[in-house]
Amino acid sequence: MSTNETRPADDASRRAAGMEKRREVLGDAHVDRAEAAKTGFTEPFQDLITRYAWGEIWTREGLDRRTRSCMVLTALTAGGHWDELGMHVRAAVGSGLTRDEIAEVFLQAAIYCGVPAANKAFGIAQRVLDELEEHDGH
């Protein structure tokens, strides 16, 4: 069976699959906050990312969640999307990446995205990982 055969075929199915995957990766609390904050202005964008980023791309079988998380961390670092990076560090931990693996992603990014970008990414990740450890009592 090809990857395309397992993906949702229509918008309603894509939306449902996307919301399920979005909650799985980002957590219910984050998605609930995002959904509660929707306005008439932002609702079309939230619908777009739910259907396409989450329902079309993250549901594909071609890459596992850990690999997708590594790629997202790198892409956010490359683009300097610092407001999104912390959220995706949390998601990467939820996808099973360890602190050491996240550090490896940012070391790799230092070479291909630049040392200043990786430096910023390490700082954001350090704060998020420390918060997660403090919350978990480790």
Protein backbone atom coordinates (compact mmCIF):
# COMPACT_ATOMS: atom_id res chain seq x y z
CA MET A 1 0.00 0.00 0.00
CA SER A 2 1.44 3.38 -0.92
CA THR A 3 1.67 6.22 1.57
CA ASN A 4 -0.90 8.17 -0.42
CA GLU A 5 -3.52 5.46 0.02
CA THR A 6 -3.49 5.83 3.81
CA ARG A 7 -3.85 9.63 3.95
CA PRO A 8 -7.23 11.31 4.38
CA ALA A 9 -8.91 12.04 1.04
CA ASP A 10 -11.23 14.95 1.83
CA ASP A 11 -11.05 18.13 3.92
CA ALA A 12 -13.22 16.85 6.76
CA SER A 13 -11.15 13.67 7.08
CA ARG A 14 -7.91 15.64 6.79
CA ARG A 15 -9.11 18.06 9.49
CA ALA A 16 -10.03 15.19 11.85
CA ALA A 17 -6.76 13.32 11.23
CA GLY A 18 -4.83 16.58 11.52
CA MET A 19 -6.39 17.48 14.84
CA GLU A 20 -5.67 14.01 16.18
CA LYS A 21 -2.01 14.21 15.07
CA ARG A 22 -1.65 17.81 16.27
CA ARG A 23 -2.88 16.80 19.74
CA GLU A 24 -0.63 13.73 19.72
CA VAL A 25 2.49 15.77 18.88
CA LEU A 26 1.86 19.10 20.62
CA GLY A 27 -0.35 17.96 23.47
CA ASP A 28 -3.94 18.70 24.37
CA ALA A 29 -3.11 21.74 26.51
CA HIS A 30 -1.33 23.53 23.67
CA VAL A 31 -3.99 22.71 21.09
CA ASP A 32 -6.79 23.67 23.48
CA ARG A 33 -5.12 27.07 24.05
CA ALA A 34 -4.69 27.60 20.30
CA GLU A 35 -8.29 26.62 19.62
CA ALA A 36 -9.62 28.87 22.40
CA ALA A 37 -7.60 31.80 21.05
CA LYS A 38 -9.03 31.50 17.52
CA THR A 39 -10.80 34.53 16.16
CA GLY A 40 -12.66 35.11 12.93
CA PHE A 41 -9.39 36.50 11.60
CA THR A 42 -7.14 33.57 12.65
CA GLU A 43 -9.59 30.68 12.18
CA PRO A 44 -8.81 30.17 8.47
CA PHE A 45 -5.10 29.88 9.28
CA GLN A 46 -5.71 27.43 12.14
CA ASP A 47 -7.88 25.35 9.80
CA LEU A 48 -5.17 25.44 7.12
CA ILE A 49 -2.41 24.21 9.41
CA THR A 50 -4.67 21.55 10.94
CA ARG A 51 -5.67 20.17 7.55
CA TYR A 52 -2.36 20.46 5.72
CA ALA A 53 0.59 20.62 8.12
CA TRP A 54 -0.92 18.08 10.50
CA GLY A 55 -3.52 16.21 8.41
CA GLU A 56 -1.56 15.98 5.17
CA ILE A 57 2.14 15.99 6.13
CA TRP A 58 2.50 14.76 9.72
CA THR A 59 0.15 11.82 9.00
CA ARG A 60 2.34 10.52 6.16
CA GLU A 61 4.05 7.19 6.80
CA GLY A 62 7.28 8.06 4.98
CA LEU A 63 9.05 9.43 8.08
CA ASP A 64 8.57 8.65 11.74
CA ARG A 65 7.70 11.33 14.31
CA ARG A 66 11.24 11.50 15.67
CA THR A 67 12.66 12.23 12.22
CA ARG A 68 9.97 14.80 11.49
CA SER A 69 10.71 16.50 14.82
CA CYS A 70 14.43 16.66 14.00
CA MET A 71 13.60 18.23 10.65
CA VAL A 72 11.25 20.77 12.21
CA LEU A 73 13.85 21.80 14.80
CA THR A 74 16.39 22.30 12.02
CA ALA A 75 13.97 24.21 9.79
CA LEU A 76 12.89 26.51 12.61
CA THR A 77 16.54 27.16 13.47
CA ALA A 78 17.41 27.86 9.84
CA GLY A 79 14.52 30.27 9.49
CA GLY A 80 15.04 31.96 12.84
CA HIS A 81 11.50 31.11 13.93
CA TRP A 82 12.27 31.45 17.63
CA ASP A 83 8.66 31.86 18.80
CA GLU A 84 7.87 28.39 17.47
CA LEU A 85 11.07 26.64 18.52
CA GLY A 86 10.25 26.14 22.21
CA MET A 87 6.93 24.54 21.37
CA HIS A 88 8.64 22.14 18.97
CA VAL A 89 11.40 21.29 21.47
CA ARG A 90 8.58 20.17 23.78
CA ALA A 91 7.02 18.23 20.91
CA ALA A 92 10.38 16.62 20.10
CA VAL A 93 10.64 15.36 23.68
CA GLY A 94 7.09 14.03 23.33
CA SER A 95 8.16 12.33 20.11
CA GLY A 96 10.86 10.50 22.04
CA LEU A 97 13.94 12.63 21.39
CA THR A 98 16.36 12.87 24.28
CA ARG A 99 18.18 15.98 25.46
CA ASP A 100 21.35 14.60 23.84
CA GLU A 101 19.60 13.97 20.51
CA ILE A 102 18.16 17.49 20.51
CA ALA A 103 21.67 18.83 21.14
CA GLU A 104 22.90 16.79 18.15
CA VAL A 105 20.23 18.37 15.96
CA PHE A 106 21.44 21.83 16.95
CA LEU A 107 25.12 20.89 16.51
CA GLN A 108 24.27 19.74 12.98
CA ALA A 109 22.31 22.96 12.46
CA ALA A 110 25.36 24.98 13.54
CA ILE A 111 27.21 23.75 10.46
CA TYR A 112 24.39 24.13 7.94
CA CYS A 113 22.37 27.01 9.42
CA GLY A 114 25.08 29.00 11.16
CA VAL A 115 26.61 29.19 14.60
CA PRO A 116 24.57 32.23 15.75
CA ALA A 117 21.30 30.47 14.87
CA ALA A 118 22.36 27.29 16.65
CA ASN A 119 23.48 29.31 19.65
CA LYS A 120 20.03 30.88 19.90
CA ALA A 121 18.39 27.46 19.43
CA PHE A 122 20.52 25.93 22.19
CA GLY A 123 19.50 28.73 24.56
CA ILE A 124 15.79 28.28 23.86
CA ALA A 125 16.04 24.50 24.09
CA GLN A 126 17.99 24.71 27.36
CA ARG A 127 15.22 26.78 28.97
CA VAL A 128 12.48 24.46 27.69
CA LEU A 129 14.28 21.27 28.68
CA ASP A 130 15.04 22.66 32.15
CA GLU A 131 11.35 23.59 32.57
CA LEU A 132 10.30 20.09 31.50
CA GLU A 133 12.75 18.46 33.93
CA GLU A 134 11.66 20.75 36.75
CA HIS A 135 8.02 19.98 36.03
CA ASP A 136 8.72 16.24 35.94
CA GLY A 137 10.76 16.44 39.15
CA HIS A 138 14.00 15.14 37.64
